[in-house]
Protein backbone atom coordinates (compact mmCIF):
# COMPACT_ATOMS: atom_id res chain seq x y z
CA MET A 1 22.70 -133.37 -239.41
CA THR A 2 26.64 -132.36 -238.52
CA ARG A 3 28.94 -135.42 -237.02
CA ASN A 4 29.63 -132.91 -234.06
CA ARG A 5 25.90 -132.77 -233.42
CA GLN A 6 25.22 -136.66 -233.39
CA TRP A 7 28.23 -137.19 -230.68
CA ILE A 8 26.43 -134.54 -229.03
CA LYS A 9 23.69 -136.07 -228.68
CA ILE A 10 25.29 -139.83 -228.12
CA VAL A 11 26.49 -138.20 -225.36
CA ALA A 12 23.48 -136.54 -223.89
CA SER A 13 21.83 -139.64 -224.21
CA LEU A 14 24.43 -141.44 -222.48
CA VAL A 15 24.17 -138.96 -219.38
CA VAL A 16 21.07 -139.15 -219.02
CA CYS A 17 21.15 -143.01 -219.32
CA GLY A 18 23.40 -142.58 -216.47
CA SER A 19 20.98 -140.38 -214.57
CA ILE A 20 17.63 -141.84 -215.03
CA GLY A 21 18.68 -144.11 -212.44
CA LEU A 22 19.11 -141.23 -209.63
CA SER A 23 16.66 -141.09 -207.10
CA GLN A 24 15.76 -137.94 -206.05
CA GLY A 25 17.62 -138.67 -202.70
CA ALA A 26 20.89 -138.67 -204.55
CA MET A 27 20.05 -135.75 -206.63
CA ALA A 28 19.43 -133.92 -203.61
CA SER A 29 22.81 -134.82 -202.15
CA MET A 30 24.62 -134.31 -205.47
CA ALA A 31 23.58 -130.64 -205.10
CA LYS A 32 24.83 -130.42 -201.41
CA SER A 33 28.30 -132.57 -202.00
CA PRO A 34 30.24 -134.26 -205.11
CA ALA A 35 30.91 -137.91 -204.62
CA PRO A 36 33.58 -139.40 -203.07
CA GLY A 37 37.03 -138.61 -205.13
CA ILE A 38 35.12 -136.05 -207.05
CA HIS A 39 36.64 -132.30 -206.60
CA VAL A 40 34.30 -129.80 -208.58
CA ASN A 41 36.50 -126.53 -209.93
CA VAL A 42 33.59 -124.71 -210.88
CA PRO A 43 30.71 -124.75 -208.61
CA VAL A 44 27.41 -124.11 -209.74
CA LYS A 45 24.65 -121.97 -207.83
CA ILE A 46 21.58 -120.34 -209.63
CA ASN A 47 18.99 -118.51 -207.45
CA HIS A 48 16.58 -118.19 -210.65
CA ALA A 49 16.52 -119.99 -213.53
CA LYS A 50 13.60 -120.01 -216.55
CA VAL A 51 13.97 -123.19 -218.92
CA VAL A 52 12.19 -124.30 -222.12
CA PHE A 53 12.31 -127.73 -223.28
CA ASN A 54 11.93 -127.49 -227.37
CA MET A 55 10.41 -131.03 -227.89
CA ASP A 56 10.68 -131.14 -231.29
CA HIS A 57 12.30 -134.13 -232.17
CA ARG A 58 12.69 -137.61 -231.90
CA ALA A 59 14.90 -138.33 -228.98
CA PHE A 60 14.78 -141.79 -226.86
CA VAL A 61 16.42 -143.91 -224.28
CA GLY A 62 14.65 -147.04 -224.85
CA ASP A 63 10.92 -146.34 -224.96
CA THR A 64 11.49 -143.20 -222.81
CA PRO A 65 11.72 -139.63 -224.34
CA VAL A 66 15.00 -138.22 -223.22
CA GLY A 67 13.34 -134.45 -222.95
CA LEU A 68 10.36 -135.72 -220.55
CA LYS A 69 13.17 -137.46 -218.24
CA TYR A 70 15.58 -134.19 -218.43
CA MET A 71 12.25 -132.20 -217.37
CA GLU A 72 11.93 -134.53 -214.61
CA MET A 73 15.25 -134.70 -213.47
CA LEU A 74 15.47 -130.54 -213.60
CA SER A 75 12.53 -129.81 -211.70
CA HIS A 76 13.77 -132.21 -208.75
CA ARG A 77 16.95 -130.81 -209.82
CA PHE A 78 15.91 -126.72 -208.70
CA LYS A 79 13.75 -128.43 -206.01
CA ALA A 80 16.74 -130.07 -204.18
CA MET A 81 18.62 -126.67 -204.87
CA GLY A 82 16.15 -124.38 -203.91
CA VAL A 83 15.64 -122.97 -206.81
CA ASP A 84 13.06 -120.49 -208.37
CA GLY A 85 12.57 -121.90 -211.13
CA LYS A 86 9.61 -122.10 -214.28
CA ILE A 87 9.87 -124.59 -216.86
CA ILE A 88 8.50 -125.34 -219.78
CA GLY A 89 7.74 -128.10 -222.49
CA LEU A 90 6.80 -127.27 -225.35
CA PHE A 91 5.56 -129.70 -228.50
CA GLN A 92 5.26 -129.74 -231.82
CA GLY A 93 6.66 -131.86 -234.85
CA GLN A 94 7.95 -134.90 -234.09
CA MET A 95 6.79 -135.14 -230.82
CA ALA A 96 3.58 -132.95 -230.71
CA TYR A 97 1.42 -136.73 -230.23
CA LEU A 98 2.89 -136.91 -226.23
CA THR A 99 0.23 -134.99 -225.11
CA LEU A 100 -3.03 -136.62 -226.97
CA ASN A 101 -4.92 -137.74 -224.52
CA ASP A 102 -5.37 -141.80 -225.15
CA LYS A 103 -8.29 -142.14 -227.77
CA ALA A 104 -6.54 -139.64 -230.04
CA TYR A 105 -2.79 -141.08 -229.24
CA ASP A 106 -4.55 -144.76 -230.00
CA ALA A 107 -5.41 -143.08 -233.75
CA ALA A 108 -2.11 -141.25 -234.39
CA ARG A 109 -0.09 -143.96 -233.52
CA HIS A 110 -2.10 -146.90 -235.02
CA VAL A 111 -2.26 -148.88 -231.92
CA LYS A 112 -4.39 -149.77 -228.86
CA THR A 113 -2.86 -148.96 -225.49
CA GLY A 114 -3.73 -145.55 -224.69
CA ASN A 115 -0.82 -142.99 -224.28
CA PRO A 116 2.30 -144.47 -222.23
CA TYR A 117 3.59 -141.12 -221.38
CA LYS A 118 0.27 -139.44 -219.79
CA PRO A 119 1.64 -140.70 -215.86
CA LEU A 120 5.05 -138.79 -216.97
CA ILE A 121 3.47 -135.79 -218.42
CA ALA A 122 1.00 -135.68 -215.15
CA LYS A 123 3.37 -136.04 -212.82
CA LEU A 124 5.48 -132.84 -214.62
CA MET A 125 2.54 -130.86 -214.54
CA LYS A 126 1.34 -132.01 -210.78
CA ASN A 127 5.22 -130.96 -209.84
CA GLY A 128 4.68 -127.75 -212.22
CA VAL A 129 6.16 -127.89 -215.37
CA ASP A 130 3.86 -126.09 -218.04
CA ILE A 131 3.35 -128.48 -221.06
CA GLU A 132 2.48 -126.52 -224.35
CA GLU A 133 1.47 -128.02 -227.54
CA CYS A 134 1.71 -126.20 -231.14
CA ALA A 135 -1.19 -125.02 -233.08
CA VAL A 136 0.27 -125.68 -236.04
CA SER A 137 1.48 -129.25 -235.88
CA MET A 138 -2.02 -129.73 -234.27
CA LYS A 139 -3.61 -127.95 -237.55
CA GLY A 140 -1.28 -130.52 -239.52
CA HIS A 141 -2.75 -133.56 -237.61
CA HIS A 142 -6.52 -132.23 -237.53
CA TRP A 143 -5.89 -132.33 -233.95
CA THR A 144 -8.29 -130.40 -231.71
CA ASN A 145 -8.18 -129.46 -228.19
CA ALA A 146 -10.27 -131.99 -227.68
CA ASN A 147 -7.40 -134.93 -228.47
CA LEU A 148 -5.46 -133.42 -225.91
CA LEU A 149 -4.34 -134.57 -222.62
CA PRO A 150 -6.03 -132.25 -219.38
CA ARG A 151 -4.41 -129.03 -218.61
CA VAL A 152 -1.86 -128.92 -221.76
CA ARG A 153 -1.81 -125.47 -223.01
CA VAL A 154 -1.51 -124.62 -226.53
CA THR A 155 0.29 -122.03 -228.15
CA THR A 156 0.00 -120.14 -231.67
CA GLY A 157 2.89 -122.01 -233.33
CA ALA A 158 5.88 -123.23 -231.24
CA VAL A 159 8.57 -121.17 -233.51
CA ILE A 160 7.10 -117.60 -232.49
CA ARG A 161 6.35 -119.19 -229.17
CA LEU A 162 10.35 -119.99 -228.87
CA ILE A 163 11.32 -116.78 -229.93
CA GLN A 164 8.93 -114.95 -227.34
CA LEU A 165 10.22 -116.91 -224.34
CA HIS A 166 13.92 -115.98 -225.43
CA GLN A 167 13.09 -112.93 -225.42
CA GLN A 168 11.78 -113.02 -221.74
CA GLY A 169 15.17 -114.46 -220.76
CA TYR A 170 14.26 -118.44 -220.86
CA THR A 171 17.07 -120.86 -221.29
CA GLU A 172 16.47 -123.48 -224.64
CA VAL A 173 16.90 -126.72 -223.76
CA ASP A 174 17.12 -129.31 -226.88
CA PRO A 175 17.19 -133.17 -225.58
């Protein structure tokens, strides 16, 4: 990893740390007006957005995966701003285990806690975020569809899916 990319990840993590504590109300007010003392020179207004979160590497703030928190914040932000948005969380590689049900999670992670990310993933799905798992990652770990959380969709392969989504106009976020 290049030094610049490391710094970008550090800065992004700090931004997430500062943003995690924001309530939906705070995000809604930020969408309407900036905080006192801040003058926005480049206001952003979008009507429609399609975003895919490429969940392929470990990035945490404490015990919380950065990508899951970004998806949650963006879905709230879209709602607050009235954006017609579509968000997909595409899990693969190092982060593939986040979509496992409790029994499979315990076996894969060698714990007896169940999947601690299950409530956040369920909340994301309830808010309209699609969660997809890579079949190639599943095959490599000897997982089946029965090992996944309810409503997680399985895609042929994450890389080919990213190509397809780019061709469909999705913006890729790599948290």
